[in-house]
Amino acid sequence: MGPDCGTAIVRGVPLGFANAVRRGDIGLVGASGTGLQEVSCRIDAHGGGISHALGTGGRDVIAEIGGASMRHAVDLLAADDSTKVIAIVSKPPAPEVARAVIERLAAARKPGVVLFLGHRFAPGELPAGIRPADTLEEAAVTAVALAQGREPSAPAGEGESLALAQAEVRQLAPGQRHVRALYSGGTFCTEALLAWRSLGLEAWSNTPLDPARTLADARTSREHAAVDLGDDEFTVGRPHPMIDPLPRIERLAQEAADPSVAAIVLDVVIGHGAHPDPAGALAEPIRAARAAAASQGRHLAVIAFVTGTERDPQRLSAQQATLRGAGAIVTESATSAAQLAGRIALAAAQAPARG
């Protein structure tokens, strides 16, 4: 529905990069391709279903465009009898666009969920019937709860994540304290930066939260860093990393060679349009990266998550099993992967006698 838009599902038919999710009564609007995919898949995992998922492209929500496609998409879902709940997923729009979109959502008179990544709504800022979300996982959990007519509950697993982070840190060598994330999706990159900031960790990126934290060279990380390998600077003249895994394989080896790195995060996006076996392509590079670190007396945590479903051609459980077989820690969601990496970095910084 707009420039740089690569994802949609219309009446159960996936278009572009999209996943085979069950049909249902939750309508999605996303100025974010991978964000739309992740939320639709997590809705599926939590027992919900999708009526339509309408991508707009990230540029739609800048002031010059005014959210034209997003407002139109909300109107379409408002008029659709099969849609009972409308959820919006986006990086923060321009303020005037955000107000216009929320007004349009309120006019739909259907329960709504709004995730503007990085924006926390003040109490009373959203109209009645519209719930805020701070993460991709929370957006999915909240949308499913509203569709089922119940109050949303907080996503579980924080205690397990803390214990796992501490177990990983106990295996690190002195000097290992940094986390690096190599994403094919820009929304995953933004969510990770936000998750780390919430823990007091500032990170560098080619798409940073703070322009002062822009990597001088996106091909070289420093300290804590999250890189969107699907950004235009990496994809002009070559396939997207969801199709061609080679750039990320090369970057994985580069990051693993850095003796300060404690953990590396990878997203694996399956479904229509994606590589036929992305986990299989990454498995041997993951083994090689961990073996190279071990040969130098270092432990390397590789954290991965798979965005997809069992009905996707690559099959979610098969991809997860391949990653675990390669030695990766596989989390259930993008949100939990980012949080685990941040907790490892935080625990490593706080560990005594660690250089």
Protein backbone atom coordinates (compact mmCIF):
# COMPACT_ATOMS: atom_id res chain seq x y z
CA MET A 1 0.00 0.00 0.00
CA GLY A 2 3.00 2.30 -0.11
CA PRO A 3 6.72 2.66 -0.94
CA ASP A 4 9.08 0.24 0.81
CA CYS A 5 6.10 -1.97 1.72
CA GLY A 6 6.90 -5.68 1.49
CA THR A 7 4.24 -7.44 3.56
CA ALA A 8 0.49 -7.98 3.51
CA ILE A 9 -2.12 -10.68 4.08
CA VAL A 10 -5.52 -10.12 2.43
CA ARG A 11 -8.31 -12.59 3.16
CA GLY A 12 -5.74 -15.19 4.12
CA VAL A 13 -3.62 -14.67 1.00
CA PRO A 14 0.00 -13.68 1.83
CA LEU A 15 1.62 -11.06 -0.37
CA GLY A 16 5.36 -10.40 -0.50
CA PHE A 17 7.20 -11.42 2.68
CA ALA A 18 4.40 -12.94 4.77
CA ASN A 19 3.55 -15.98 6.84
CA ALA A 20 0.89 -18.69 6.79
CA VAL A 21 -1.10 -17.65 9.86
CA ARG A 22 -4.56 -18.89 10.84
CA ARG A 23 -7.58 -16.84 9.86
CA GLY A 24 -9.31 -14.92 12.62
CA ASP A 25 -10.76 -11.60 13.71
CA ILE A 26 -7.68 -9.46 14.37
CA GLY A 27 -6.80 -6.90 11.70
CA LEU A 28 -3.25 -5.55 11.59
CA VAL A 29 -1.84 -2.36 10.10
CA GLY A 30 1.93 -2.04 9.98
CA ALA A 31 4.38 0.63 8.89
CA SER A 32 6.86 -2.18 9.46
CA GLY A 33 7.27 -5.36 7.42
CA THR A 34 9.08 -7.64 9.86
CA GLY A 35 7.12 -6.11 12.75
CA LEU A 36 3.89 -7.04 10.98
CA GLN A 37 5.20 -10.56 10.38
CA GLU A 38 6.32 -11.03 13.98
CA VAL A 39 3.06 -9.78 15.50
CA SER A 40 0.94 -11.87 13.14
CA CYS A 41 2.99 -14.98 13.96
CA ARG A 42 2.88 -14.33 17.70
CA ILE A 43 -0.89 -13.83 17.49
CA ASP A 44 -1.03 -17.24 15.80
CA ALA A 45 1.17 -18.75 18.52
CA HIS A 46 -1.14 -17.39 21.24
CA GLY A 47 -4.23 -18.91 19.63
CA GLY A 48 -5.53 -15.90 17.71
CA GLY A 49 -6.02 -15.35 14.01
CA ILE A 50 -5.69 -12.65 11.37
CA SER A 51 -8.47 -11.20 9.23
CA HIS A 52 -6.12 -9.01 7.20
CA ALA A 53 -2.60 -7.62 7.71
CA LEU A 54 -2.03 -4.45 5.72
CA GLY A 55 1.49 -3.13 5.31
CA THR A 56 1.99 0.52 4.49
CA GLY A 57 5.76 0.91 4.28
CA GLY A 58 7.74 2.79 6.90
CA ARG A 59 7.81 6.07 4.97
CA ASP A 60 4.03 6.37 5.17
CA VAL A 61 4.15 7.75 8.73
CA ILE A 62 6.55 10.63 8.13
CA ALA A 63 5.05 14.13 8.24
CA GLU A 64 5.29 14.70 4.48
CA ILE A 65 3.12 11.64 3.72
CA GLY A 66 0.83 12.06 6.70
CA GLY A 67 0.00 8.40 7.26
CA ALA A 68 -2.24 8.31 4.18
CA SER A 69 -2.00 4.54 3.74
CA MET A 70 -2.26 3.81 7.47
CA ARG A 71 -5.40 5.91 7.88
CA HIS A 72 -6.93 4.25 4.81
CA ALA A 73 -6.03 0.80 6.14
CA VAL A 74 -7.73 1.56 9.48
CA ASP A 75 -10.85 2.64 7.57
CA LEU A 76 -10.83 -0.60 5.59
CA LEU A 77 -10.59 -2.70 8.75
CA ALA A 78 -13.25 -0.60 10.47
CA ALA A 79 -15.66 -1.42 7.65
CA ASP A 80 -14.71 -5.12 7.54
CA ASP A 81 -17.22 -7.35 9.34
CA SER A 82 -14.63 -10.10 9.85
CA THR A 83 -12.38 -7.77 11.89
CA LYS A 84 -13.23 -7.32 15.58
CA VAL A 85 -9.90 -5.91 16.85
CA ILE A 86 -7.50 -3.54 15.07
CA ALA A 87 -3.80 -3.47 16.00
CA ILE A 88 -1.26 -0.97 14.69
CA VAL A 89 2.48 -1.66 14.60
CA SER A 90 4.93 1.09 13.70
CA LYS A 91 8.06 2.92 14.61
CA PRO A 92 7.06 6.29 16.08
CA PRO A 93 5.19 8.36 13.48
CA ALA A 94 5.50 12.09 13.22
CA PRO A 95 3.43 13.57 16.11
CA GLU A 96 0.73 14.93 13.84
CA VAL A 97 0.50 11.59 12.03
CA ALA A 98 0.20 9.71 15.33
CA ARG A 99 -2.69 11.94 16.39
CA ALA A 100 -4.49 11.51 13.06
CA VAL A 101 -4.08 7.73 13.12
CA ILE A 102 -5.33 7.42 16.70
CA GLU A 103 -8.35 9.63 15.88
CA ARG A 104 -9.15 7.37 12.93
CA LEU A 105 -8.76 4.26 15.11
CA ALA A 106 -11.07 5.72 17.77
CA ALA A 107 -13.65 6.45 15.06
CA ALA A 108 -13.59 2.78 14.04
CA ARG A 109 -15.38 1.92 17.32
CA LYS A 110 -13.59 -1.39 17.62
CA PRO A 111 -11.13 -2.46 20.32
CA GLY A 112 -7.66 -1.35 19.32
CA VAL A 113 -3.99 -1.88 20.15
CA VAL A 114 -1.30 0.67 19.32
CA LEU A 115 2.43 -0.04 19.28
CA PHE A 116 4.52 2.96 18.30
CA LEU A 117 7.93 1.51 19.18
CA GLY A 118 9.74 3.79 21.59
CA HIS A 119 6.72 5.90 22.47
CA ARG A 120 5.13 5.39 25.88
CA PHE A 121 1.62 6.74 26.10
CA ALA A 122 0.74 8.77 29.18
CA PRO A 123 -2.29 7.68 31.21
CA GLY A 124 -5.41 8.95 29.46
CA GLU A 125 -3.53 9.78 26.25
CA LEU A 126 -5.34 7.08 24.29
CA PRO A 127 -9.13 7.11 23.84
CA ALA A 128 -11.24 4.54 25.68
CA GLY A 129 -11.10 1.09 24.09
CA ILE A 130 -7.57 1.50 22.70
CA ARG A 131 -4.73 -0.23 24.54
CA PRO A 132 -1.03 0.68 24.33
CA ALA A 133 1.77 -1.84 23.80
CA ASP A 134 5.49 -1.36 24.33
CA THR A 135 6.85 -4.46 22.54
CA LEU A 136 5.96 -6.68 19.61
CA GLU A 137 5.11 -9.51 22.00
CA GLU A 138 2.87 -7.28 24.11
CA ALA A 139 1.03 -6.10 20.99
CA ALA A 140 0.26 -9.70 20.04
CA VAL A 141 -0.74 -10.78 23.56
CA THR A 142 -2.99 -7.75 23.98
CA ALA A 143 -4.69 -8.18 20.60
CA VAL A 144 -5.48 -11.85 21.29
CA ALA A 145 -6.86 -11.04 24.74
CA LEU A 146 -9.15 -8.33 23.36
CA ALA A 147 -10.36 -10.64 20.59
CA GLN A 148 -11.18 -13.26 23.23
CA GLY A 149 -12.96 -10.75 25.43
CA ARG A 150 -10.58 -10.87 28.38
CA GLU A 151 -8.03 -8.64 30.07
CA PRO A 152 -4.47 -8.96 28.73
CA SER A 153 -1.86 -10.52 30.99
CA ALA A 154 1.82 -9.62 31.09
CA PRO A 155 4.07 -11.79 28.87
CA ALA A 156 5.70 -14.53 30.97
CA GLY A 157 9.25 -15.82 31.20
CA GLU A 158 11.24 -13.00 32.83
CA GLY A 159 12.54 -15.21 35.66
CA GLU A 160 13.70 -17.88 33.21
CA SER A 161 15.44 -15.22 31.12
CA LEU A 162 17.33 -13.86 34.13
CA ALA A 163 18.48 -17.33 35.16
CA LEU A 164 19.60 -18.15 31.62
CA ALA A 165 21.52 -14.87 31.34
CA GLN A 166 23.35 -15.55 34.58
CA ALA A 167 24.22 -19.08 33.45
CA GLU A 168 25.69 -17.73 30.22
CA VAL A 169 27.70 -15.02 32.00
CA ARG A 170 29.33 -17.59 34.28
CA GLN A 171 30.91 -19.15 31.18
CA LEU A 172 32.37 -15.92 29.77
CA ALA A 173 36.06 -15.09 29.74
CA PRO A 174 37.37 -11.82 31.23
CA GLY A 175 36.71 -8.92 28.87
CA GLN A 176 33.62 -10.41 27.24
CA ARG A 177 30.86 -7.89 27.85
CA HIS A 178 29.40 -6.64 24.59
CA VAL A 179 26.33 -7.79 22.66
CA ARG A 180 25.91 -7.56 18.90
CA ALA A 181 22.63 -8.04 17.01
CA LEU A 182 22.57 -8.80 13.29
CA TYR A 183 19.03 -8.31 12.08
CA SER A 184 17.34 -8.63 8.71
CA GLY A 185 14.42 -6.56 10.02
CA GLY A 186 14.61 -2.91 11.02
CA THR A 187 11.81 -3.17 13.58
CA PHE A 188 13.68 -5.97 15.36
CA CYS A 189 16.71 -3.70 15.49
CA THR A 190 14.72 -0.83 16.99
CA GLU A 191 13.04 -3.08 19.56
CA ALA A 192 16.43 -4.43 20.67
CA LEU A 193 17.86 -0.93 21.08
CA LEU A 194 14.85 0.01 23.19
CA ALA A 195 15.06 -3.15 25.30
CA TRP A 196 18.73 -2.52 26.00
CA ARG A 197 18.12 1.14 26.82
CA SER A 198 15.49 0.08 29.37
CA LEU A 199 18.29 -1.86 31.11
CA GLY A 200 20.60 1.16 31.05
CA LEU A 201 22.61 -0.04 28.03
CA GLU A 202 23.20 2.38 25.15
CA ALA A 203 24.12 0.84 21.81
CA TRP A 204 25.44 1.84 18.42
CA SER A 205 23.54 1.19 15.20
CA ASN A 206 23.10 2.16 11.58
CA THR A 207 19.51 3.00 12.62
CA PRO A 208 20.09 4.33 16.16
CA LEU A 209 17.65 5.75 18.68
CA ASP A 210 20.04 8.67 19.18
CA PRO A 211 21.79 10.07 16.06
CA ALA A 212 24.92 10.52 18.16
CA ARG A 213 25.08 6.71 18.34
CA THR A 214 25.27 6.22 14.56
CA LEU A 215 28.01 3.80 13.54
CA ALA A 216 30.66 5.60 11.51
CA ASP A 217 30.80 2.52 9.29
CA ALA A 218 27.75 0.25 9.38
CA ARG A 219 30.02 -2.64 8.42
CA THR A 220 32.05 -2.34 11.62
CA SER A 221 30.45 -2.64 15.06
CA ARG A 222 31.67 -1.15 18.31
CA GLU A 223 30.78 -1.80 21.96
CA HIS A 224 27.08 -2.81 22.16
CA ALA A 225 25.63 -2.65 18.64
CA ALA A 226 22.53 -3.64 16.68
CA VAL A 227 22.68 -3.55 12.90
CA ASP A 228 19.80 -3.64 10.42
CA LEU A 229 21.26 -5.57 7.50
CA GLY A 230 18.02 -5.05 5.62
CA ASP A 231 18.55 -1.29 5.49
CA ASP A 232 18.95 0.31 2.07
CA GLU A 233 22.71 0.77 2.47
CA PHE A 234 23.08 -3.03 2.49
CA THR A 235 20.42 -3.99 -0.07
CA VAL A 236 20.91 -1.61 -2.99
CA GLY A 237 21.99 -3.81 -5.88
CA ARG A 238 21.71 -7.10 -3.99
CA PRO A 239 18.98 -9.31 -2.47
CA HIS A 240 17.53 -8.68 0.96
CA PRO A 241 19.18 -10.78 3.73
CA MET A 242 15.90 -12.67 4.18
CA ILE A 243 16.64 -14.09 0.73
CA ASP A 244 20.45 -14.09 0.63
CA PRO A 245 22.11 -15.14 3.93
CA LEU A 246 25.71 -14.55 2.79
CA PRO A 247 26.18 -10.96 4.14
CA ARG A 248 25.02 -12.03 7.58
CA ILE A 249 27.14 -15.18 7.54
CA GLU A 250 30.20 -13.04 6.85
CA ARG A 251 29.22 -10.53 9.54
CA LEU A 252 28.62 -13.32 12.07
CA ALA A 253 32.22 -14.52 11.67
CA GLN A 254 33.46 -10.94 11.98
CA GLU A 255 31.58 -10.31 15.22
CA ALA A 256 32.56 -13.67 16.71
CA ALA A 257 36.24 -12.82 16.21
CA ASP A 258 35.94 -9.80 18.52
CA PRO A 259 37.18 -10.92 21.97
CA SER A 260 34.89 -8.39 23.70
CA VAL A 261 31.70 -9.99 22.34
CA ALA A 262 29.66 -12.07 24.77
CA ALA A 263 26.50 -12.65 22.73
CA ILE A 264 25.23 -12.33 19.17
CA VAL A 265 21.54 -12.08 18.26
CA LEU A 266 20.11 -13.35 14.96
CA ASP A 267 16.60 -13.20 13.56
CA VAL A 268 15.41 -15.97 11.26
CA VAL A 269 12.38 -14.97 9.21
CA ILE A 270 10.59 -17.72 7.32
CA GLY A 271 7.44 -17.78 5.22
CA HIS A 272 6.58 -16.81 1.67
CA GLY A 273 9.30 -14.90 -0.16
CA ALA A 274 12.03 -15.87 2.31
CA HIS A 275 15.01 -18.23 1.90
CA PRO A 276 13.85 -21.88 1.67
CA ASP A 277 15.96 -22.92 4.68
CA PRO A 278 17.46 -19.91 6.49
CA ALA A 279 18.28 -21.84 9.68
CA GLY A 280 20.05 -24.48 7.62
CA ALA A 281 22.13 -21.78 5.94
CA LEU A 282 23.10 -20.31 9.32
CA ALA A 283 23.72 -23.56 11.21
CA GLU A 284 27.29 -24.27 10.14
CA PRO A 285 28.36 -20.59 10.46
CA ILE A 286 26.96 -20.60 14.02
CA ARG A 287 28.93 -23.76 14.85
CA ALA A 288 32.06 -22.26 13.28
CA ALA A 289 31.68 -18.98 15.19
CA ARG A 290 31.27 -20.75 18.52
CA ALA A 291 34.15 -23.12 17.77
CA ALA A 292 36.45 -20.22 16.82
CA ALA A 293 35.65 -18.48 20.10
CA ALA A 294 36.18 -21.70 22.07
CA SER A 295 39.57 -22.22 20.45
CA GLN A 296 40.60 -18.88 21.98
CA GLY A 297 39.22 -19.76 25.41
CA ARG A 298 35.97 -17.82 25.03
CA HIS A 299 32.31 -18.78 25.36
CA LEU A 300 30.02 -17.25 22.75
CA ALA A 301 26.25 -17.13 23.24
CA VAL A 302 24.34 -17.08 19.95
CA ILE A 303 20.71 -16.12 20.54
CA ALA A 304 18.20 -16.69 17.76
CA PHE A 305 14.47 -16.54 17.21
CA VAL A 306 12.31 -17.64 14.30
CA THR A 307 9.49 -15.50 12.96
CA GLY A 308 7.07 -17.96 11.39
CA THR A 309 4.49 -20.68 11.92
CA GLU A 310 4.17 -24.44 11.52
CA ARG A 311 2.19 -23.85 8.32
CA ASP A 312 5.02 -21.94 6.65
CA PRO A 313 6.90 -23.92 3.98
CA GLN A 314 10.07 -23.99 6.14
CA ARG A 315 8.11 -25.02 9.30
CA LEU A 316 8.75 -23.19 12.55
CA SER A 317 9.68 -26.18 14.72
CA ALA A 318 12.09 -27.55 12.10
CA GLN A 319 13.91 -24.23 11.87
CA GLN A 320 14.10 -23.94 15.65
CA ALA A 321 15.46 -27.49 15.94
CA THR A 322 18.17 -26.76 13.36
CA LEU A 323 19.30 -23.68 15.27
CA ARG A 324 19.37 -25.53 18.60
CA GLY A 325 21.37 -28.31 16.95
CA ALA A 326 23.95 -25.70 15.92
CA GLY A 327 24.31 -24.57 19.54
CA ALA A 328 22.11 -21.47 19.45
CA ILE A 329 19.81 -20.42 22.29
CA VAL A 330 16.39 -20.23 20.64
CA THR A 331 13.82 -17.92 22.19
CA GLU A 332 10.11 -17.81 21.44
CA SER A 333 9.99 -14.24 20.16
CA ALA A 334 11.94 -11.23 18.97
CA THR A 335 11.15 -9.47 22.23
CA SER A 336 12.51 -12.27 24.42
CA ALA A 337 15.69 -12.56 22.31
CA ALA A 338 16.45 -8.85 22.69
CA GLN A 339 15.72 -8.94 26.43
CA LEU A 340 17.92 -12.00 26.99
CA ALA A 341 20.84 -10.42 25.13
CA GLY A 342 20.47 -7.23 27.15
CA ARG A 343 20.43 -9.13 30.43
CA ILE A 344 23.58 -11.02 29.45
CA ALA A 345 25.32 -7.72 28.69
CA LEU A 346 24.12 -6.18 31.93
CA ALA A 347 25.14 -9.19 34.03
CA ALA A 348 28.54 -9.33 32.31
CA ALA A 349 29.15 -5.65 33.13
CA GLN A 350 28.21 -6.22 36.77
CA ALA A 351 30.16 -9.45 37.25
CA PRO A 352 33.10 -9.07 39.67
CA ALA A 353 36.72 -9.24 38.49
CA ARG A 354 35.69 -9.01 34.85
CA GLY A 355 38.04 -6.94 32.81
